[in-house]
Amino acid sequence: MTQHSRDTPQFYLTAPSPCPYLPGRHERKVFTHLVGDKAGDLNDLLTHGGFRRSQSIAYRPACDQCRACVSVRVIANEFRPSRNFRKILARNADIVGEQRTAVPTSEQYSVFRAYLDHRHRHGGMADMTVLDYAMMVEDSHVETRIIEYRKRGIDSGITGRGEGLVAVALSDVLSDGLSMVYSFFEPAEESRSLGTFMILDHIARARRLGLPYVYLGYWIEGSRKMDYKGRFLPQQRLAPSGWLRVDAAGETTEPQD
């Protein structure tokens, strides 16, 4: 094998399958492998072009006659939480988030299993075993972190750790932001709006790190599962002409570099 063939990614196209987000439609994906010393640089480049990572695979929708999936990234430094978001932050003031290396634990899997059984019982991930979960976390050739969210305990002010795992986020660290790969939470704590809280926490983390964006994956207008991402404004959405800014008034401006 030549050096060129090792360093040049090969792209593949999946066969059509039923779309999990829009009824009556079919999806196709283009994908490539993220392996080797340059996996991080490739992940950066592809994320900027609308790809997402799943384990050691980077993929992007390539559907016939459908462009409903739109990559979105929140402009972290300009984000200001709405009244509803401030309520969610206050509701979770007793939650401590601790960033850890991407190592799976049985405690994480217990929350993950409960989340799938409650929210995605008939989804494509419903049958994931503890080994499947371990692969989801560990099979990464890029800079990946786990953030565990726990309730604040008596010693949290000293140790920085909480008690009782309630939510987990798996995130990649990119050159220009944080990319939320997957997140889940304890169904018994559903009233806390932990999914929204984790996004708000990632925006704050990106700001502290001096990173301009938080990548949320695909926004799909009209999809109950994915439409919520459009609430985190201002944000940029990837169009054929480049990244377009969408502000709090819903107005779109010219492509951003």
Protein backbone atom coordinates (compact mmCIF):
# COMPACT_ATOMS: atom_id res chain seq x y z
CA MET A 1 0.00 0.00 0.00
CA THR A 2 1.39 3.42 -0.95
CA GLN A 3 1.69 6.35 1.45
CA HIS A 4 -0.87 8.24 -0.64
CA SER A 5 -3.49 5.50 -0.27
CA ARG A 6 -2.96 5.37 3.50
CA ASP A 7 -3.32 9.13 3.96
CA THR A 8 -6.18 9.73 1.54
CA PRO A 9 -9.62 8.87 2.97
CA GLN A 10 -11.87 6.60 0.97
CA PHE A 11 -15.58 7.45 0.91
CA TYR A 12 -18.47 5.00 0.64
CA LEU A 13 -22.23 5.33 0.09
CA THR A 14 -24.82 3.32 1.99
CA ALA A 15 -27.90 1.74 0.44
CA PRO A 16 -31.25 3.52 1.02
CA SER A 17 -33.01 2.76 4.31
CA PRO A 18 -36.11 4.19 6.05
CA CYS A 19 -35.48 7.66 7.50
CA PRO A 20 -35.71 7.63 11.32
CA TYR A 21 -36.74 11.30 11.44
CA LEU A 22 -39.17 12.03 8.61
CA PRO A 23 -41.87 9.40 7.93
CA GLY A 24 -42.19 8.10 4.40
CA ARG A 25 -38.68 9.12 3.37
CA HIS A 26 -35.47 7.16 2.88
CA GLU A 27 -31.94 8.08 3.89
CA ARG A 28 -28.50 7.42 2.44
CA LYS A 29 -25.17 8.32 3.99
CA VAL A 30 -21.67 8.91 2.71
CA PHE A 31 -19.01 7.80 5.19
CA THR A 32 -15.31 7.27 5.73
CA HIS A 33 -13.06 5.83 8.42
CA LEU A 34 -11.30 7.97 11.04
CA VAL A 35 -8.10 6.08 11.82
CA GLY A 36 -4.40 6.75 12.10
CA ASP A 37 -2.33 9.72 13.18
CA LYS A 38 -4.31 12.21 11.10
CA ALA A 39 -7.75 11.16 12.33
CA GLY A 40 -8.12 14.30 14.44
CA ASP A 41 -7.28 16.64 11.58
CA LEU A 42 -9.62 14.76 9.25
CA ASN A 43 -12.41 14.84 11.84
CA ASP A 44 -11.95 18.61 12.14
CA LEU A 45 -12.08 19.09 8.37
CA LEU A 46 -15.08 16.84 7.85
CA THR A 47 -17.03 18.34 10.77
CA HIS A 48 -16.60 21.75 9.15
CA GLY A 49 -18.12 20.20 6.03
CA GLY A 50 -21.19 18.81 7.79
CA PHE A 51 -20.02 15.33 8.85
CA ARG A 52 -20.68 13.70 12.23
CA ARG A 53 -18.61 11.11 14.08
CA SER A 54 -19.87 7.74 15.29
CA GLN A 55 -17.04 5.65 16.77
CA SER A 56 -14.33 5.52 14.09
CA ILE A 57 -16.71 6.52 11.29
CA ALA A 58 -17.43 10.01 9.95
CA TYR A 59 -20.71 10.25 8.04
CA ARG A 60 -22.98 12.78 6.36
CA PRO A 61 -26.49 12.44 4.87
CA ALA A 62 -26.46 11.99 1.08
CA CYS A 63 -30.18 11.53 0.46
CA ASP A 64 -31.78 11.69 -2.97
CA GLN A 65 -33.91 14.83 -3.36
CA CYS A 66 -33.87 15.69 0.36
CA ARG A 67 -31.75 18.24 2.23
CA ALA A 68 -33.68 18.33 5.49
CA CYS A 69 -30.65 17.51 7.69
CA VAL A 70 -28.78 20.76 8.34
CA SER A 71 -25.54 20.92 10.37
CA VAL A 72 -25.73 23.50 13.15
CA ARG A 73 -23.18 25.03 15.49
CA VAL A 74 -23.94 27.47 18.32
CA ILE A 75 -21.88 30.68 18.46
CA ALA A 76 -20.74 30.18 22.06
CA ASN A 77 -19.43 33.64 22.92
CA GLU A 78 -22.56 35.41 21.66
CA PHE A 79 -25.11 33.02 23.14
CA ARG A 80 -27.34 34.50 25.82
CA PRO A 81 -29.78 32.13 27.55
CA SER A 82 -33.47 32.92 27.15
CA ARG A 83 -35.82 33.13 30.12
CA ASN A 84 -36.73 29.46 29.69
CA PHE A 85 -33.06 28.45 29.47
CA ARG A 86 -32.31 30.43 32.65
CA LYS A 87 -35.05 28.49 34.43
CA ILE A 88 -33.44 25.21 33.35
CA LEU A 89 -30.05 26.38 34.58
CA ALA A 90 -31.58 27.33 37.94
CA ARG A 91 -33.40 23.99 38.16
CA ASN A 92 -30.04 22.23 37.78
CA ALA A 93 -27.97 24.47 40.03
CA ASP A 94 -27.33 21.40 42.20
CA ILE A 95 -25.71 19.47 39.32
CA VAL A 96 -21.92 19.14 39.04
CA GLY A 97 -20.31 18.29 35.69
CA GLU A 98 -16.94 16.52 35.72
CA GLN A 99 -14.89 16.02 32.55
CA ARG A 100 -13.14 12.66 32.36
CA THR A 101 -11.18 10.61 29.86
CA ALA A 102 -13.41 8.58 27.55
CA VAL A 103 -13.57 5.38 29.61
CA PRO A 104 -16.89 3.50 29.91
CA THR A 105 -18.21 2.39 33.30
CA SER A 106 -21.01 0.12 34.47
CA GLU A 107 -22.61 3.14 36.17
CA GLN A 108 -22.75 4.99 32.85
CA TYR A 109 -24.21 1.97 31.10
CA SER A 110 -26.92 1.65 33.73
CA VAL A 111 -28.11 5.20 32.97
CA PHE A 112 -27.67 4.62 29.22
CA ARG A 113 -29.76 1.43 29.34
CA ALA A 114 -32.53 3.14 31.31
CA TYR A 115 -32.51 6.06 28.86
CA LEU A 116 -32.82 3.79 25.80
CA ASP A 117 -35.59 1.71 27.38
CA HIS A 118 -37.55 4.84 28.24
CA ARG A 119 -36.92 7.10 25.24
CA HIS A 120 -35.79 4.90 22.33
CA ARG A 121 -37.24 1.47 22.96
CA HIS A 122 -37.83 0.81 19.27
CA GLY A 123 -34.85 2.76 17.90
CA GLY A 124 -31.74 1.51 16.16
CA MET A 125 -29.73 1.50 19.42
CA ALA A 126 -32.33 -0.36 21.51
CA ASP A 127 -30.40 -3.65 21.56
CA MET A 128 -27.00 -2.22 22.52
CA THR A 129 -25.19 -4.35 25.09
CA VAL A 130 -22.63 -3.22 27.61
CA LEU A 131 -19.92 -4.17 25.10
CA ASP A 132 -21.60 -2.13 22.39
CA TYR A 133 -21.67 0.84 24.76
CA ALA A 134 -17.99 0.37 25.57
CA MET A 135 -17.19 0.46 21.85
CA MET A 136 -19.24 3.63 21.39
CA VAL A 137 -17.11 5.35 24.02
CA GLU A 138 -13.68 3.84 23.39
CA ASP A 139 -13.61 3.41 19.60
CA SER A 140 -12.30 6.89 18.88
CA HIS A 141 -9.07 8.01 17.24
CA VAL A 142 -9.73 11.68 18.00
CA GLU A 143 -9.68 13.74 21.21
CA THR A 144 -12.82 12.60 23.01
CA ARG A 145 -14.07 13.30 26.53
CA ILE A 146 -16.83 12.03 28.82
CA ILE A 147 -18.63 14.54 31.02
CA GLU A 148 -20.48 13.01 33.95
CA TYR A 149 -23.23 15.02 35.62
CA ARG A 150 -24.00 14.29 39.26
CA LYS A 151 -26.00 15.83 42.07
CA ARG A 152 -23.98 18.10 44.30
CA GLY A 153 -22.88 16.43 47.54
CA ILE A 154 -21.59 17.64 50.89
CA ASP A 155 -17.94 17.46 49.73
CA SER A 156 -18.48 18.72 46.16
CA GLY A 157 -17.00 22.12 46.94
CA ILE A 158 -13.76 20.37 47.92
CA THR A 159 -13.59 17.42 45.54
CA GLY A 160 -15.40 18.95 42.54
CA ARG A 161 -17.42 15.73 42.27
CA GLY A 162 -21.09 15.05 42.87
CA GLU A 163 -23.03 12.02 44.03
CA GLY A 164 -25.36 9.85 41.95
CA LEU A 165 -24.91 9.90 38.17
CA VAL A 166 -27.85 11.57 36.39
CA ALA A 167 -26.52 12.37 32.90
CA VAL A 168 -23.56 11.75 30.57
CA ALA A 169 -22.24 13.50 27.47
CA LEU A 170 -19.71 12.08 25.01
CA SER A 171 -17.99 14.97 23.23
CA ASP A 172 -15.10 15.59 20.84
CA VAL A 173 -12.66 18.47 21.23
CA LEU A 174 -12.13 20.16 17.86
CA SER A 175 -9.78 22.97 16.88
CA ASP A 176 -12.68 25.44 16.92
CA GLY A 177 -15.22 23.96 19.29
CA LEU A 178 -16.83 21.09 21.12
CA SER A 179 -18.83 18.52 19.16
CA MET A 180 -21.55 16.74 21.14
CA VAL A 181 -21.45 13.17 19.85
CA TYR A 182 -24.08 11.63 22.13
CA SER A 183 -25.75 12.41 25.45
CA PHE A 184 -28.22 10.63 27.71
CA PHE A 185 -29.76 11.01 31.13
CA GLU A 186 -31.63 9.22 33.91
CA PRO A 187 -35.35 9.07 32.91
CA ALA A 188 -36.41 9.56 36.54
CA GLU A 189 -34.87 13.06 36.32
CA GLU A 190 -36.75 13.99 33.12
CA SER A 191 -38.34 17.06 34.72
CA ARG A 192 -34.91 18.68 34.94
CA SER A 193 -34.63 19.01 31.11
CA LEU A 194 -31.14 17.52 31.33
CA GLY A 195 -30.72 17.25 27.56
CA THR A 196 -31.08 21.02 27.25
CA PHE A 197 -28.96 21.57 30.37
CA MET A 198 -26.05 19.60 28.90
CA ILE A 199 -26.07 21.76 25.76
CA LEU A 200 -26.10 24.92 27.89
CA ASP A 201 -23.22 23.51 29.93
CA HIS A 202 -21.23 22.75 26.77
CA ILE A 203 -21.74 26.31 25.53
CA ALA A 204 -20.34 27.59 28.83
CA ARG A 205 -17.42 25.13 28.64
CA ALA A 206 -16.57 26.17 25.07
CA ARG A 207 -16.60 29.82 26.14
CA ARG A 208 -14.22 29.10 29.04
CA LEU A 209 -11.88 27.23 26.69
CA GLY A 210 -11.90 30.07 24.17
CA LEU A 211 -13.56 27.86 21.54
CA PRO A 212 -16.04 29.66 19.26
CA TYR A 213 -18.57 26.89 18.56
CA VAL A 214 -20.57 24.00 19.96
CA TYR A 215 -21.52 21.54 17.22
CA LEU A 216 -24.94 19.97 17.79
CA GLY A 217 -25.21 17.72 14.76
CA TYR A 218 -28.24 17.94 12.48
CA TRP A 219 -31.20 20.26 12.86
CA ILE A 220 -34.26 18.93 11.04
CA GLU A 221 -37.16 21.33 10.76
CA GLY A 222 -40.42 19.50 11.35
CA SER A 223 -38.80 16.58 13.19
CA ARG A 224 -39.86 16.38 16.82
CA LYS A 225 -36.61 14.58 17.66
CA MET A 226 -34.28 17.16 16.08
CA ASP A 227 -36.13 20.48 15.76
CA TYR A 228 -35.16 21.56 19.31
CA LYS A 229 -31.61 22.37 18.17
CA GLY A 230 -32.91 25.44 16.37
CA ARG A 231 -33.63 27.11 19.74
CA PHE A 232 -29.96 27.71 20.59
CA LEU A 233 -29.36 31.08 18.95
CA PRO A 234 -27.38 32.71 17.53
CA GLN A 235 -26.11 29.77 15.54
CA GLN A 236 -24.70 28.94 12.15
CA ARG A 237 -26.30 26.47 9.75
CA LEU A 238 -24.40 24.85 6.91
CA ALA A 239 -25.78 25.65 3.46
CA PRO A 240 -24.33 24.94 -0.01
CA SER A 241 -22.86 28.46 0.05
CA GLY A 242 -21.23 28.00 3.47
CA TRP A 243 -22.12 28.56 7.11
CA LEU A 244 -25.07 30.96 7.45
CA ARG A 245 -25.71 32.86 10.64
CA VAL A 246 -29.19 32.67 12.17
CA ASP A 247 -29.79 35.19 14.95
CA ALA A 248 -32.34 35.38 17.74
CA ALA A 249 -34.89 36.99 15.42
CA GLY A 250 -34.64 34.08 13.00
CA GLU A 251 -32.88 36.21 10.37
CA THR A 252 -30.20 34.63 8.18
CA THR A 253 -27.06 36.45 7.08
CA GLU A 254 -24.30 35.76 4.56
CA PRO A 255 -21.87 32.79 4.77
CA GLN A 256 -19.29 32.90 7.54
CA ASP A 257 -15.65 31.87 7.15
